[in-house]
Amino acid sequence: MSARTQALPDVARLARRALERDVAWRARSAARRLVALADRGLATSGLSHAQFILMCLIASATDDTVNALAQRAGLDQSTMSRNLDVLVNAQLAEVTTALGDRRRRAVWLTETGLFALARAIRVASKLQPKIESAAAQGWALLDSAKRDSARENAATPARRS
């Protein structure tokens, strides 16, 4: 058996360990599961979680420009524009040239959008305890898996070359 084929099982073990220890990976994985839960819960409102959050950002904004909204959401302006297009096409939001500066675009919710957001906020407020519980359980499970892995690694004797 060559040194290369002997190293392969170690790579798999090390990769598993890297995933177990990577906080960013665990957070991203947990976030995806939580967003899926939120999407299922918000389905009765007619909005996805992404639409709900974007509409909350629009409704609560002190600066109604697309650029300010993109910065607040942590997105680049082109990604924000694509997300806004979905709301505009559903007649939930309106984007127009800002007064005083034709290069800037302003965004706000339509009357239909405001009513849809109000409905979604009621649904989300009932859903929030379930999401918080799932988040707490998810982190506890991830921490438990990390402890189990650490015990397993400590109990496994090191390989000799």
Protein backbone atom coordinates (compact mmCIF):
# COMPACT_ATOMS: atom_id res chain seq x y z
CA MET A 1 0.00 0.00 0.00
CA SER A 2 1.43 3.36 -1.01
CA ALA A 3 1.81 6.32 1.34
CA ARG A 4 -0.85 8.10 -0.72
CA THR A 5 -3.51 5.41 -0.16
CA GLN A 6 -2.56 5.15 3.52
CA ALA A 7 -3.16 8.89 3.91
CA LEU A 8 -6.71 8.75 2.48
CA PRO A 9 -8.46 7.47 5.64
CA ASP A 10 -6.66 10.15 7.64
CA VAL A 11 -7.90 12.83 5.24
CA ALA A 12 -11.51 11.69 5.69
CA ARG A 13 -11.12 11.69 9.48
CA LEU A 14 -9.46 15.09 9.43
CA ALA A 15 -12.15 16.47 7.13
CA ARG A 16 -14.89 15.26 9.51
CA ARG A 17 -13.06 16.86 12.39
CA ALA A 18 -12.66 20.12 10.44
CA LEU A 19 -16.41 20.24 9.76
CA GLU A 20 -17.23 19.50 13.39
CA ARG A 21 -14.97 22.31 14.59
CA ASP A 22 -15.83 24.92 11.95
CA VAL A 23 -18.15 27.37 13.66
CA ALA A 24 -18.96 29.20 10.41
CA TRP A 25 -20.04 25.94 8.75
CA ARG A 26 -22.16 24.96 11.75
CA ALA A 27 -23.77 28.39 11.87
CA ARG A 28 -24.50 28.35 8.13
CA SER A 29 -25.99 24.86 8.33
CA ALA A 30 -28.11 25.80 11.34
CA ALA A 31 -29.22 29.02 9.63
CA ARG A 32 -30.38 27.10 6.55
CA ARG A 33 -32.47 24.78 8.71
CA LEU A 34 -33.96 27.71 10.62
CA VAL A 35 -34.79 29.59 7.42
CA ALA A 36 -36.47 26.46 6.02
CA LEU A 37 -38.54 26.26 9.23
CA ALA A 38 -39.42 29.96 8.93
CA ASP A 39 -40.36 29.52 5.26
CA ARG A 40 -42.73 26.67 6.14
CA GLY A 41 -44.26 28.68 8.98
CA LEU A 42 -44.65 31.86 6.94
CA ALA A 43 -46.19 30.02 3.97
CA THR A 44 -49.68 30.75 5.30
CA SER A 45 -48.92 34.47 5.02
CA GLY A 46 -48.01 34.15 1.35
CA LEU A 47 -44.46 35.40 1.90
CA SER A 48 -41.14 33.61 2.07
CA HIS A 49 -38.81 34.37 4.94
CA ALA A 50 -36.53 36.34 2.59
CA GLN A 51 -39.47 38.45 1.38
CA PHE A 52 -40.66 38.97 4.96
CA ILE A 53 -37.25 40.17 6.14
CA LEU A 54 -36.78 42.41 3.10
CA MET A 55 -40.21 43.96 3.64
CA CYS A 56 -39.40 44.51 7.34
CA LEU A 57 -36.16 46.22 6.30
CA ILE A 58 -38.07 48.47 3.87
CA ALA A 59 -40.83 49.32 6.36
CA SER A 60 -38.39 50.15 9.15
CA ALA A 61 -35.84 52.07 7.04
CA THR A 62 -35.02 55.68 7.81
CA ASP A 63 -33.30 56.01 4.41
CA ASP A 64 -35.51 54.71 1.61
CA THR A 65 -32.83 54.44 -1.08
CA VAL A 66 -31.98 51.09 -2.63
CA ASN A 67 -28.31 51.61 -1.82
CA ALA A 68 -29.00 52.24 1.88
CA LEU A 69 -31.29 49.21 1.98
CA ALA A 70 -28.60 47.06 0.36
CA GLN A 71 -26.02 48.22 2.89
CA ARG A 72 -28.37 47.54 5.80
CA ALA A 73 -29.08 44.02 4.46
CA GLY A 74 -25.40 43.32 3.80
CA LEU A 75 -25.99 42.81 0.07
CA ASP A 76 -24.52 44.40 -3.00
CA GLN A 77 -26.83 46.74 -4.92
CA SER A 78 -27.41 44.35 -7.85
CA THR A 79 -28.47 41.51 -5.52
CA MET A 80 -30.78 43.89 -3.68
CA SER A 81 -32.29 45.03 -6.98
CA ARG A 82 -33.02 41.43 -7.99
CA ASN A 83 -34.67 40.78 -4.62
CA LEU A 84 -36.71 43.97 -4.92
CA ASP A 85 -37.84 42.97 -8.43
CA VAL A 86 -39.67 40.01 -6.89
CA LEU A 87 -41.58 42.32 -4.54
CA VAL A 88 -42.26 44.84 -7.30
CA ASN A 89 -43.59 42.13 -9.63
CA ALA A 90 -45.90 40.92 -6.84
CA GLN A 91 -47.03 44.56 -6.36
CA LEU A 92 -45.80 44.52 -2.77
CA ALA A 93 -43.20 47.28 -3.26
CA GLU A 94 -42.47 50.16 -5.59
CA VAL A 95 -39.10 51.43 -6.73
CA THR A 96 -38.80 54.90 -8.27
CA THR A 97 -36.24 57.58 -8.96
CA ALA A 98 -35.45 59.53 -5.79
CA LEU A 99 -36.53 63.15 -5.65
CA GLY A 100 -33.66 65.54 -6.13
CA ASP A 101 -31.20 62.98 -7.53
CA ARG A 102 -32.21 61.00 -10.60
CA ARG A 103 -29.29 58.56 -10.07
CA ARG A 104 -30.72 57.34 -6.77
CA ARG A 105 -33.67 55.01 -6.51
CA ALA A 106 -36.08 54.94 -3.59
CA VAL A 107 -38.17 51.97 -2.44
CA TRP A 108 -41.27 51.65 -0.31
CA LEU A 109 -44.05 49.16 0.30
CA THR A 110 -47.32 49.52 -1.54
CA GLU A 111 -50.62 49.42 0.33
CA THR A 112 -50.89 45.75 -0.66
CA GLY A 113 -47.37 45.21 0.66
CA LEU A 114 -48.16 46.89 3.98
CA PHE A 115 -51.19 44.67 4.53
CA ALA A 116 -49.22 41.56 3.51
CA LEU A 117 -46.43 42.52 5.92
CA ALA A 118 -48.91 43.11 8.75
CA ARG A 119 -50.36 39.60 8.19
CA ALA A 120 -46.87 38.08 8.03
CA ILE A 121 -45.80 39.85 11.23
CA ARG A 122 -48.73 38.24 13.08
CA VAL A 123 -47.77 34.81 11.71
CA ALA A 124 -44.07 35.37 12.47
CA SER A 125 -44.74 36.44 16.05
CA LYS A 126 -46.52 33.13 16.69
CA LEU A 127 -43.76 31.23 14.88
CA GLN A 128 -40.84 32.88 16.67
CA PRO A 129 -40.87 30.72 19.85
CA LYS A 130 -40.73 27.57 17.70
CA ILE A 131 -37.78 28.94 15.73
CA GLU A 132 -35.98 30.01 18.92
CA SER A 133 -36.50 26.55 20.40
CA ALA A 134 -35.22 24.86 17.23
CA ALA A 135 -32.18 27.16 17.24
CA ALA A 136 -31.38 26.32 20.86
CA GLN A 137 -31.82 22.58 20.22
CA GLY A 138 -29.72 22.76 17.05
CA TRP A 139 -26.82 24.44 18.82
CA ALA A 140 -27.07 21.97 21.71
CA LEU A 141 -26.94 19.04 19.27
CA LEU A 142 -23.98 20.54 17.44
CA ASP A 143 -22.13 21.11 20.71
CA SER A 144 -22.93 17.54 21.80
CA ALA A 145 -21.62 16.16 18.51
CA LYS A 146 -18.44 18.18 18.94
CA ARG A 147 -17.91 16.79 22.46
CA ASP A 148 -18.58 13.22 21.22
CA SER A 149 -16.07 13.72 18.42
CA ALA A 150 -13.46 15.05 20.83
CA ARG A 151 -13.92 12.00 23.08
CA GLU A 152 -13.72 9.70 20.05
CA ASN A 153 -10.55 11.38 18.83
CA ALA A 154 -8.97 11.19 22.28
CA ALA A 155 -9.78 7.47 22.52
CA THR A 156 -8.40 6.66 19.04
CA PRO A 157 -4.70 5.88 19.13
CA ALA A 158 -2.51 7.81 16.74
CA ARG A 159 -1.45 5.97 13.58
CA ARG A 160 2.18 5.19 12.97
CA SER A 161 3.69 5.84 9.60
